[in-house]
Amino acid sequence: MLIGTFSRRVGLSVDTLRYYEKIGLMPQVDRTHSGRRRYSSDHVAWVDFLNVLKSTGMGVNDMARYVDLRSKGISSINERREMLVQHRKKVTARRRELEESEVLLKEKIDHFQSVMNGDVDGVDLTCATGEKR
C-alpha cells in the first residue's frame, strides 16, 4: 500500500511516518519503480506495535533502542524482553497513579454536586478519605 493509505490505516501522519523512517524506527520500505514507498502488512503490524509503545509512554529514544536490539535478531531477545518487562512496570505504576487520581476527581465531583444540591455548605472540602484536598 502507498503512504497515504498506510498513514490512514495506522493512524499516523505522512510526516510522522517519514520521520520514523528517517530515524530508523521503520524497517526497510520498498519503493515502486517511480520511487514511491510501498508498505506491507508487516509494516502495519510493526507500526501498530510502535503505537502501543508510544501510547504507553515509551519515548522515541527507547523505541529506537528497541529497534536496534531487534535488528540483532534472536541474540537480543533477552534484552528486548527485559526492556518490555521494565516498561510494563512503569505502565502499571502509572495506571495506579491514574486510578488514585480518578478517585480524587470523583470525590470532588460528588462534593460539588452536593454543594449544588444544597446538601453541604461548600466550605469543608474534606474528601471521603478524611484528607483535606
N, C-alpha and C. Protein backbone atom coordinates (compact mmCIF):
# COMPACT_ATOMS: atom_id res chain seq x y z
N MET A 1 0.84 -1.17 0.00
CA MET A 1 0.00 0.00 0.00
C MET A 1 0.89 1.23 0.00
N LEU A 2 0.39 2.30 -0.60
CA LEU A 2 1.15 3.53 -0.67
C LEU A 2 1.01 4.32 0.63
N ILE A 3 1.84 5.33 0.79
CA ILE A 3 1.97 6.01 2.08
C ILE A 3 0.66 6.64 2.57
N GLY A 4 -0.16 7.18 1.69
CA GLY A 4 -1.42 7.80 2.12
C GLY A 4 -2.36 6.78 2.73
N THR A 5 -2.50 5.67 2.06
CA THR A 5 -3.34 4.58 2.57
C THR A 5 -2.77 4.04 3.87
N PHE A 6 -1.47 3.84 3.87
CA PHE A 6 -0.80 3.32 5.06
C PHE A 6 -0.99 4.28 6.24
N SER A 7 -0.83 5.57 5.99
CA SER A 7 -0.99 6.59 7.01
C SER A 7 -2.37 6.51 7.65
N ARG A 8 -3.39 6.41 6.84
CA ARG A 8 -4.76 6.30 7.36
C ARG A 8 -4.94 5.00 8.14
N ARG A 9 -4.36 3.92 7.66
CA ARG A 9 -4.51 2.61 8.30
C ARG A 9 -3.89 2.57 9.70
N VAL A 10 -2.70 3.19 9.85
CA VAL A 10 -2.00 3.11 11.13
C VAL A 10 -2.24 4.33 12.03
N GLY A 11 -2.94 5.33 11.53
CA GLY A 11 -3.28 6.49 12.34
C GLY A 11 -2.14 7.44 12.60
N LEU A 12 -1.17 7.48 11.71
CA LEU A 12 -0.05 8.41 11.83
C LEU A 12 0.01 9.26 10.57
N SER A 13 0.46 10.49 10.74
CA SER A 13 0.57 11.36 9.58
C SER A 13 1.70 10.88 8.66
N VAL A 14 1.63 11.31 7.44
CA VAL A 14 2.68 11.00 6.46
C VAL A 14 4.02 11.54 6.97
N ASP A 15 4.00 12.74 7.54
CA ASP A 15 5.24 13.33 8.07
C ASP A 15 5.82 12.49 9.19
N THR A 16 4.96 11.98 10.07
CA THR A 16 5.45 11.12 11.17
C THR A 16 6.05 9.85 10.62
N LEU A 17 5.42 9.26 9.63
CA LEU A 17 5.95 8.03 9.02
C LEU A 17 7.31 8.29 8.39
N ARG A 18 7.45 9.40 7.72
CA ARG A 18 8.74 9.74 7.11
C ARG A 18 9.79 9.98 8.20
N TYR A 19 9.38 10.63 9.28
CA TYR A 19 10.29 10.86 10.40
C TYR A 19 10.72 9.53 11.01
N TYR A 20 9.78 8.63 11.25
CA TYR A 20 10.11 7.31 11.80
C TYR A 20 11.10 6.59 10.90
N GLU A 21 10.91 6.71 9.59
CA GLU A 21 11.83 6.06 8.66
C GLU A 21 13.22 6.72 8.75
N LYS A 22 13.23 8.04 8.82
CA LYS A 22 14.49 8.78 8.87
C LYS A 22 15.32 8.43 10.11
N ILE A 23 14.65 8.26 11.27
CA ILE A 23 15.40 7.97 12.50
C ILE A 23 15.57 6.48 12.75
N GLY A 24 15.09 5.68 11.82
CA GLY A 24 15.35 4.24 11.90
C GLY A 24 14.32 3.42 12.66
N LEU A 25 13.16 3.99 12.95
CA LEU A 25 12.13 3.20 13.64
C LEU A 25 11.39 2.27 12.70
N MET A 26 11.42 2.57 11.43
CA MET A 26 10.73 1.74 10.44
C MET A 26 11.71 0.80 9.76
N PRO A 27 11.30 -0.45 9.59
CA PRO A 27 12.14 -1.35 8.79
C PRO A 27 12.17 -0.86 7.33
N GLN A 28 13.04 -1.41 6.58
CA GLN A 28 13.20 -1.02 5.18
C GLN A 28 11.85 -0.99 4.46
N VAL A 29 11.61 0.11 3.77
CA VAL A 29 10.38 0.26 3.00
C VAL A 29 10.74 0.15 1.52
N ASP A 30 10.13 -0.82 0.85
CA ASP A 30 10.37 -0.96 -0.58
C ASP A 30 9.77 0.22 -1.32
N ARG A 31 10.27 0.43 -2.52
CA ARG A 31 9.79 1.53 -3.35
C ARG A 31 9.37 1.01 -4.71
N THR A 32 8.41 1.71 -5.28
CA THR A 32 7.98 1.38 -6.63
C THR A 32 9.06 1.83 -7.60
N HIS A 33 8.92 1.47 -8.88
CA HIS A 33 9.90 1.90 -9.88
C HIS A 33 9.98 3.42 -9.99
N SER A 34 8.90 4.11 -9.59
CA SER A 34 8.91 5.58 -9.62
C SER A 34 9.34 6.19 -8.29
N GLY A 35 9.73 5.35 -7.34
CA GLY A 35 10.27 5.86 -6.08
C GLY A 35 9.27 6.04 -4.96
N ARG A 36 8.03 5.66 -5.17
CA ARG A 36 7.02 5.80 -4.12
C ARG A 36 7.14 4.65 -3.12
N ARG A 37 6.96 4.97 -1.84
CA ARG A 37 7.04 3.96 -0.79
C ARG A 37 5.89 2.98 -0.91
N ARG A 38 6.21 1.69 -0.66
CA ARG A 38 5.20 0.63 -0.66
C ARG A 38 5.30 -0.12 0.66
N TYR A 39 4.23 -0.04 1.45
CA TYR A 39 4.20 -0.66 2.77
C TYR A 39 3.46 -1.99 2.70
N SER A 40 3.87 -2.90 3.57
CA SER A 40 3.27 -4.23 3.62
C SER A 40 2.48 -4.42 4.91
N SER A 41 1.85 -5.56 5.02
CA SER A 41 1.14 -5.89 6.27
C SER A 41 2.12 -6.01 7.44
N ASP A 42 3.36 -6.39 7.16
CA ASP A 42 4.37 -6.43 8.22
C ASP A 42 4.63 -5.03 8.78
N HIS A 43 4.63 -4.03 7.89
CA HIS A 43 4.81 -2.66 8.34
C HIS A 43 3.63 -2.22 9.22
N VAL A 44 2.43 -2.64 8.84
CA VAL A 44 1.24 -2.31 9.64
C VAL A 44 1.39 -2.88 11.04
N ALA A 45 1.75 -4.15 11.14
CA ALA A 45 1.91 -4.79 12.44
C ALA A 45 3.00 -4.09 13.25
N TRP A 46 4.08 -3.71 12.61
CA TRP A 46 5.17 -3.05 13.31
C TRP A 46 4.74 -1.68 13.84
N VAL A 47 4.09 -0.89 13.01
CA VAL A 47 3.65 0.44 13.45
C VAL A 47 2.57 0.31 14.53
N ASP A 48 1.72 -0.69 14.42
CA ASP A 48 0.74 -0.92 15.49
C ASP A 48 1.47 -1.15 16.82
N PHE A 49 2.56 -1.91 16.79
CA PHE A 49 3.35 -2.15 17.99
C PHE A 49 4.00 -0.85 18.48
N LEU A 50 4.58 -0.07 17.57
CA LEU A 50 5.17 1.22 17.95
C LEU A 50 4.11 2.13 18.58
N ASN A 51 2.91 2.11 18.03
CA ASN A 51 1.82 2.92 18.59
C ASN A 51 1.48 2.51 20.02
N VAL A 52 1.54 1.21 20.29
CA VAL A 52 1.30 0.73 21.65
C VAL A 52 2.40 1.25 22.57
N LEU A 53 3.64 1.13 22.14
CA LEU A 53 4.74 1.63 22.95
C LEU A 53 4.59 3.12 23.21
N LYS A 54 4.26 3.86 22.17
CA LYS A 54 4.10 5.31 22.29
C LYS A 54 2.93 5.65 23.22
N SER A 55 1.81 4.98 23.04
CA SER A 55 0.62 5.30 23.85
C SER A 55 0.80 4.94 25.32
N THR A 56 1.74 4.06 25.61
CA THR A 56 2.01 3.68 26.99
C THR A 56 3.18 4.48 27.57
N GLY A 57 3.63 5.47 26.84
CA GLY A 57 4.61 6.39 27.37
C GLY A 57 6.06 6.12 27.04
N MET A 58 6.33 5.17 26.17
CA MET A 58 7.72 4.94 25.80
C MET A 58 8.18 6.04 24.85
N GLY A 59 9.32 6.60 25.15
CA GLY A 59 9.86 7.67 24.33
C GLY A 59 10.53 7.16 23.06
N VAL A 60 10.78 8.08 22.16
CA VAL A 60 11.39 7.74 20.88
C VAL A 60 12.77 7.12 21.07
N ASN A 61 13.54 7.64 22.01
CA ASN A 61 14.89 7.09 22.22
C ASN A 61 14.83 5.62 22.65
N ASP A 62 13.89 5.30 23.55
CA ASP A 62 13.75 3.91 23.97
C ASP A 62 13.22 3.04 22.84
N MET A 63 12.31 3.59 22.04
CA MET A 63 11.83 2.82 20.89
C MET A 63 12.99 2.56 19.92
N ALA A 64 13.84 3.55 19.72
CA ALA A 64 15.00 3.38 18.84
C ALA A 64 15.95 2.32 19.40
N ARG A 65 16.12 2.31 20.70
CA ARG A 65 16.95 1.27 21.33
C ARG A 65 16.35 -0.11 21.08
N TYR A 66 15.04 -0.22 21.23
CA TYR A 66 14.36 -1.49 20.98
C TYR A 66 14.58 -1.92 19.53
N VAL A 67 14.44 -0.99 18.61
CA VAL A 67 14.64 -1.29 17.18
C VAL A 67 16.07 -1.77 16.95
N ASP A 68 17.02 -1.11 17.58
CA ASP A 68 18.42 -1.53 17.44
C ASP A 68 18.60 -2.96 17.94
N LEU A 69 18.03 -3.25 19.09
CA LEU A 69 18.13 -4.62 19.62
C LEU A 69 17.44 -5.61 18.69
N ARG A 70 16.30 -5.22 18.16
CA ARG A 70 15.55 -6.09 17.25
C ARG A 70 16.37 -6.43 16.02
N SER A 71 17.16 -5.47 15.56
CA SER A 71 17.97 -5.70 14.36
C SER A 71 19.05 -6.76 14.59
N LYS A 72 19.35 -7.03 15.86
CA LYS A 72 20.36 -8.04 16.20
C LYS A 72 19.78 -9.45 16.22
N GLY A 73 18.48 -9.54 16.04
CA GLY A 73 17.84 -10.86 15.95
C GLY A 73 17.68 -11.55 17.28
N ILE A 74 17.65 -12.86 17.21
CA ILE A 74 17.36 -13.70 18.37
C ILE A 74 18.36 -13.49 19.50
N SER A 75 19.57 -13.07 19.17
CA SER A 75 20.59 -12.89 20.22
C SER A 75 20.21 -11.79 21.21
N SER A 76 19.29 -10.93 20.83
CA SER A 76 18.90 -9.82 21.72
C SER A 76 17.55 -10.05 22.40
N ILE A 77 17.02 -11.24 22.26
CA ILE A 77 15.66 -11.47 22.76
C ILE A 77 15.55 -11.26 24.26
N ASN A 78 16.56 -11.65 25.02
CA ASN A 78 16.51 -11.44 26.48
C ASN A 78 16.50 -9.95 26.81
N GLU A 79 17.31 -9.18 26.11
CA GLU A 79 17.35 -7.73 26.35
C GLU A 79 16.02 -7.07 25.97
N ARG A 80 15.46 -7.48 24.84
CA ARG A 80 14.17 -6.92 24.42
C ARG A 80 13.08 -7.28 25.41
N ARG A 81 13.09 -8.52 25.86
CA ARG A 81 12.09 -8.95 26.84
C ARG A 81 12.22 -8.13 28.11
N GLU A 82 13.45 -7.97 28.60
CA GLU A 82 13.66 -7.21 29.83
C GLU A 82 13.25 -5.75 29.65
N MET A 83 13.52 -5.22 28.50
CA MET A 83 13.12 -3.85 28.23
C MET A 83 11.60 -3.70 28.32
N LEU A 84 10.88 -4.66 27.75
CA LEU A 84 9.42 -4.61 27.80
C LEU A 84 8.90 -4.88 29.20
N VAL A 85 9.55 -5.76 29.94
CA VAL A 85 9.16 -6.02 31.34
C VAL A 85 9.28 -4.73 32.15
N GLN A 86 10.40 -4.02 32.00
CA GLN A 86 10.60 -2.79 32.75
C GLN A 86 9.60 -1.71 32.33
N HIS A 87 9.32 -1.65 31.04
CA HIS A 87 8.34 -0.67 30.56
C HIS A 87 6.95 -1.00 31.11
N ARG A 88 6.62 -2.27 31.14
CA ARG A 88 5.32 -2.68 31.67
C ARG A 88 5.20 -2.29 33.14
N LYS A 89 6.27 -2.41 33.91
CA LYS A 89 6.25 -1.98 35.31
C LYS A 89 5.92 -0.49 35.41
N LYS A 90 6.51 0.30 34.53
CA LYS A 90 6.22 1.74 34.52
C LYS A 90 4.76 2.00 34.16
N VAL A 91 4.24 1.25 33.19
CA VAL A 91 2.84 1.39 32.78
C VAL A 91 1.92 1.03 33.94
N THR A 92 2.24 -0.04 34.65
CA THR A 92 1.42 -0.47 35.79
C THR A 92 1.43 0.59 36.89
N ALA A 93 2.59 1.15 37.18
CA ALA A 93 2.69 2.19 38.20
C ALA A 93 1.90 3.42 37.78
N ARG A 94 1.99 3.79 36.52
CA ARG A 94 1.25 4.96 36.02
C ARG A 94 -0.24 4.71 36.09
N ARG A 95 -0.67 3.49 35.77
CA ARG A 95 -2.09 3.15 35.84
C ARG A 95 -2.60 3.31 37.27
N ARG A 96 -1.81 2.87 38.25
CA ARG A 96 -2.20 3.03 39.66
C ARG A 96 -2.33 4.50 40.02
N GLU A 97 -1.38 5.32 39.57
CA GLU A 97 -1.46 6.76 39.82
C GLU A 97 -2.73 7.35 39.23
N LEU A 98 -3.06 6.94 38.02
CA LEU A 98 -4.27 7.44 37.37
C LEU A 98 -5.52 6.99 38.10
N GLU A 99 -5.53 5.76 38.58
CA GLU A 99 -6.69 5.26 39.34
C GLU A 99 -6.88 6.07 40.62
N GLU A 100 -5.78 6.39 41.32
CA GLU A 100 -5.87 7.21 42.52
C GLU A 100 -6.36 8.61 42.19
N SER A 101 -5.90 9.16 41.09
CA SER A 101 -6.35 10.48 40.67
C SER A 101 -7.83 10.46 40.31
N GLU A 102 -8.26 9.38 39.69
CA GLU A 102 -9.67 9.27 39.33
C GLU A 102 -10.55 9.26 40.57
N VAL A 103 -10.10 8.59 41.64
CA VAL A 103 -10.86 8.59 42.90
C VAL A 103 -11.00 10.01 43.43
N LEU A 104 -9.90 10.76 43.42
CA LEU A 104 -9.96 12.15 43.89
C LEU A 104 -10.91 12.97 43.04
N LEU A 105 -10.84 12.82 41.74
CA LEU A 105 -11.74 13.56 40.86
C LEU A 105 -13.20 13.23 41.15
N LYS A 106 -13.49 11.96 41.35
CA LYS A 106 -14.87 11.55 41.66
C LYS A 106 -15.32 12.18 42.96
N GLU A 107 -14.45 12.19 43.97
CA GLU A 107 -14.80 12.79 45.25
C GLU A 107 -15.11 14.28 45.09
N LYS A 108 -14.30 14.97 44.31
CA LYS A 108 -14.52 16.40 44.09
C LYS A 108 -15.83 16.63 43.34
N ILE A 109 -16.07 15.86 42.31
CA ILE A 109 -17.30 15.99 41.54
C ILE A 109 -18.50 15.74 42.44
N ASP A 110 -18.45 14.69 43.24
CA ASP A 110 -19.55 14.38 44.16
C ASP A 110 -19.75 15.51 45.17
N HIS A 111 -18.63 16.05 45.70
CA HIS A 111 -18.72 17.15 46.66
C HIS A 111 -19.40 18.36 46.02
N PHE A 112 -18.95 18.72 44.81
CA PHE A 112 -19.53 19.88 44.15
C PHE A 112 -21.01 19.66 43.86
N GLN A 113 -21.39 18.44 43.52
CA GLN A 113 -22.80 18.14 43.28
C GLN A 113 -23.60 18.31 44.58
N SER A 114 -23.01 17.88 45.69
CA SER A 114 -23.67 18.05 46.99
C SER A 114 -23.86 19.53 47.32
N VAL A 115 -22.84 20.34 47.03
CA VAL A 115 -22.96 21.78 47.25
C VAL A 115 -24.06 22.35 46.38
N MET A 116 -24.08 21.96 45.13
CA MET A 116 -25.11 22.46 44.20
C MET A 116 -26.51 22.02 44.62
N ASN A 117 -26.60 20.85 45.25
CA ASN A 117 -27.90 20.34 45.72
C ASN A 117 -28.31 20.97 47.06
N GLY A 118 -27.40 21.73 47.66
CA GLY A 118 -27.68 22.34 48.95
C GLY A 118 -27.49 21.39 50.12
N ASP A 119 -26.88 20.23 49.88
CA ASP A 119 -26.67 19.24 50.93
C ASP A 119 -25.54 19.62 51.88
N VAL A 120 -24.57 20.38 51.40
CA VAL A 120 -23.44 20.84 52.22
C VAL A 120 -23.19 22.31 51.90
N ASP A 121 -22.46 22.98 52.79
CA ASP A 121 -22.26 24.42 52.62
C ASP A 121 -21.13 24.79 51.67
N GLY A 122 -20.32 23.84 51.28
CA GLY A 122 -19.25 24.13 50.33
C GLY A 122 -17.96 24.59 50.97
N VAL A 123 -17.95 24.81 52.29
CA VAL A 123 -16.74 25.26 52.96
C VAL A 123 -15.78 24.11 53.20
N ASP A 124 -16.29 23.00 53.70
CA ASP A 124 -15.45 21.85 54.04
C ASP A 124 -15.21 21.03 52.79
N LEU A 125 -13.98 20.99 52.35
CA LEU A 125 -13.65 20.24 51.15
C LEU A 125 -12.99 18.92 51.51
N THR A 126 -13.36 18.35 52.66
CA THR A 126 -12.80 17.08 53.08
C THR A 126 -13.29 15.98 52.14
N CYS A 127 -12.35 15.17 51.71
CA CYS A 127 -12.69 14.03 50.85
C CYS A 127 -13.21 12.89 51.71
N ALA A 128 -13.78 11.93 51.08
CA ALA A 128 -14.29 10.76 51.78
C ALA A 128 -13.21 10.05 52.57
N THR A 129 -11.97 10.21 52.14
CA THR A 129 -10.86 9.56 52.83
C THR A 129 -10.49 10.27 54.12
N GLY A 130 -11.07 11.46 54.35
CA GLY A 130 -10.77 12.22 55.54
C GLY A 130 -9.62 13.21 55.35
N GLU A 131 -9.00 13.20 54.19
CA GLU A 131 -7.92 14.12 53.92
C GLU A 131 -8.48 15.43 53.37
N LYS A 132 -7.83 16.53 53.70
CA LYS A 132 -8.20 17.81 53.12
C LYS A 132 -7.61 17.89 51.72
N ARG A 133 -8.41 18.31 50.77
CA ARG A 133 -7.92 18.41 49.38
C ARG A 133 -8.08 19.82 48.89
